[in-house]
C-alpha atoms as a PDB file:
ATOM      1  CA  MET A   1     -75.724 -40.238  73.015  1.00  0.00           C
ATOM      2  CA  VAL A   2     -73.715 -37.532  71.025  1.00  0.00           C
ATOM      3  CA  ARG A   3     -76.146 -36.048  68.391  1.00  0.00           C
ATOM      4  CA  ILE A   4     -74.573 -35.392  64.712  1.00  0.00           C
ATOM      5  CA  GLN A   5     -74.723 -31.939  65.346  1.00  0.00           C
ATOM      6  CA  GLU A   6     -72.410 -32.206  68.197  1.00  0.00           C
ATOM      7  CA  ILE A   7     -70.033 -34.326  66.117  1.00  0.00           C
ATOM      8  CA  LEU A   8     -70.023 -32.237  62.916  1.00  0.00           C
ATOM      9  CA  CYS A   9     -69.819 -28.581  64.963  1.00  0.00           C
ATOM     10  CA  GLY A  10     -66.875 -26.561  63.413  1.00  0.00           C
ATOM     11  CA  ARG A  11     -65.579 -29.052  61.009  1.00  0.00           C
ATOM     12  CA  ILE A  12     -64.973 -27.879  57.457  1.00  0.00           C
ATOM     13  CA  PHE A  13     -67.085 -29.345  54.637  1.00  0.00           C
ATOM     14  CA  PHE A  14     -66.010 -29.904  51.019  1.00  0.00           C
ATOM     15  CA  PRO A  15     -68.862 -30.477  48.359  1.00  0.00           C
ATOM     16  CA  SER A  16     -69.254 -32.114  45.564  1.00  0.00           C
ATOM     17  CA  GLY A  17     -72.026 -32.032  42.559  1.00  0.00           C
ATOM     18  CA  LYS A  18     -73.930 -35.153  42.162  1.00  0.00           C
ATOM     19  CA  ALA A  19     -73.395 -34.786  37.955  1.00  0.00           C
ATOM     20  CA  ARG A  20     -69.418 -34.992  38.630  1.00  0.00           C
ATOM     21  CA  THR A  21     -67.688 -38.678  37.925  1.00  0.00           C
ATOM     22  CA  VAL A  22     -65.611 -40.428  40.278  1.00  0.00           C
ATOM     23  CA  ALA A  23     -62.679 -39.591  39.059  1.00  0.00           C
ATOM     24  CA  ASP A  24     -63.376 -35.553  39.392  1.00  0.00           C
ATOM     25  CA  VAL A  25     -64.328 -36.451  43.098  1.00  0.00           C
ATOM     26  CA  ALA A  26     -61.279 -38.502  43.485  1.00  0.00           C
ATOM     27  CA  ARG A  27     -58.881 -35.465  41.950  1.00  0.00           C
ATOM     28  CA  ARG A  28     -60.954 -33.001  44.388  1.00  0.00           C
ATOM     29  CA  MET A  29     -60.541 -35.323  47.323  1.00  0.00           C
ATOM     30  CA  ALA A  30     -56.299 -35.662  46.618  1.00  0.00           C
ATOM     31  CA  GLU A  31     -56.393 -32.252  46.116  1.00  0.00           C
ATOM     32  CA  LEU A  32     -57.865 -31.269  49.424  1.00  0.00           C
ATOM     33  CA  ARG A  33     -55.856 -34.009  51.241  1.00  0.00           C
ATOM     34  CA  VAL A  34     -59.519 -35.228  52.921  1.00  0.00           C
ATOM     35  CA  GLY A  35     -60.708 -38.932  52.614  1.00  0.00           C
ATOM     36  CA  ALA A  36     -64.180 -38.246  52.241  1.00  0.00           C
ATOM     37  CA  ILE A  37     -66.513 -35.513  50.180  1.00  0.00           C
ATOM     38  CA  LEU A  38     -70.572 -34.590  50.769  1.00  0.00           C
ATOM     39  CA  VAL A  39     -72.161 -35.174  47.281  1.00  0.00           C
ATOM     40  CA  LEU A  40     -74.731 -32.386  47.271  1.00  0.00           C
ATOM     41  CA  ASP A  41     -77.712 -32.026  44.614  1.00  0.00           C
ATOM     42  CA  ASP A  42     -79.560 -28.789  44.995  1.00  0.00           C
ATOM     43  CA  ASP A  43     -77.848 -27.797  47.826  1.00  0.00           C
ATOM     44  CA  GLU A  44     -79.736 -30.780  49.482  1.00  0.00           C
ATOM     45  CA  LEU A  45     -77.505 -33.529  50.933  1.00  0.00           C
ATOM     46  CA  ARG A  46     -77.676 -37.067  48.537  1.00  0.00           C
ATOM     47  CA  GLY A  47     -74.404 -38.689  50.767  1.00  0.00           C
ATOM     48  CA  VAL A  48     -71.193 -38.912  51.396  1.00  0.00           C
ATOM     49  CA  PHE A  49     -68.498 -39.912  49.082  1.00  0.00           C
ATOM     50  CA  SER A  50     -65.373 -41.646  50.786  1.00  0.00           C
ATOM     51  CA  GLU A  51     -61.987 -43.773  49.946  1.00  0.00           C
ATOM     52  CA  ARG A  52     -63.445 -46.471  50.957  1.00  0.00           C
ATOM     53  CA  ASP A  53     -66.356 -46.301  48.316  1.00  0.00           C
ATOM     54  CA  LEU A  54     -63.660 -45.506  45.764  1.00  0.00           C
ATOM     55  CA  MET A  55     -62.448 -48.798  46.264  1.00  0.00           C
ATOM     56  CA  MET A  56     -65.013 -51.031  47.245  1.00  0.00           C
ATOM     57  CA  ARG A  57     -67.701 -49.572  44.532  1.00  0.00           C
ATOM     58  CA  VAL A  58     -65.577 -48.569  41.930  1.00  0.00           C
ATOM     59  CA  VAL A  59     -61.809 -50.458  41.521  1.00  0.00           C
ATOM     60  CA  VAL A  60     -62.675 -53.987  43.406  1.00  0.00           C
ATOM     61  CA  GLU A  61     -65.766 -54.072  40.888  1.00  0.00           C
ATOM     62  CA  GLY A  62     -63.312 -53.067  37.578  1.00  0.00           C
ATOM     63  CA  ARG A  63     -65.691 -50.001  36.965  1.00  0.00           C
ATOM     64  CA  SER A  64     -64.273 -47.304  35.176  1.00  0.00           C
ATOM     65  CA  PRO A  65     -63.878 -43.864  37.775  1.00  0.00           C
ATOM     66  CA  GLU A  66     -64.132 -41.580  34.216  1.00  0.00           C
ATOM     67  CA  SER A  67     -67.626 -42.943  33.289  1.00  0.00           C
ATOM     68  CA  HIS A  68     -69.413 -43.555  36.654  1.00  0.00           C
ATOM     69  CA  ARG A  69     -71.275 -40.751  38.702  1.00  0.00           C
ATOM     70  CA  SER A  70     -70.312 -40.087  42.296  1.00  0.00           C
ATOM     71  CA  GLU A  71     -73.911 -40.739  43.831  1.00  0.00           C
END
């Protein structure tokens, strides 16, 4: 079985603070040309926010990306 450490070894990560709005995170992802971004809170990993999260949790549900957080 492959360990997570082996999968992630050598990859570049793009962090985002927990307090940022979904719109901020989406703009950052577009700038970096990536499909997902790490959500950190005081340097502790809280999760990963992806394009799929944006579509399923924001767009499909009709939420405002300017007022929702990337938690």
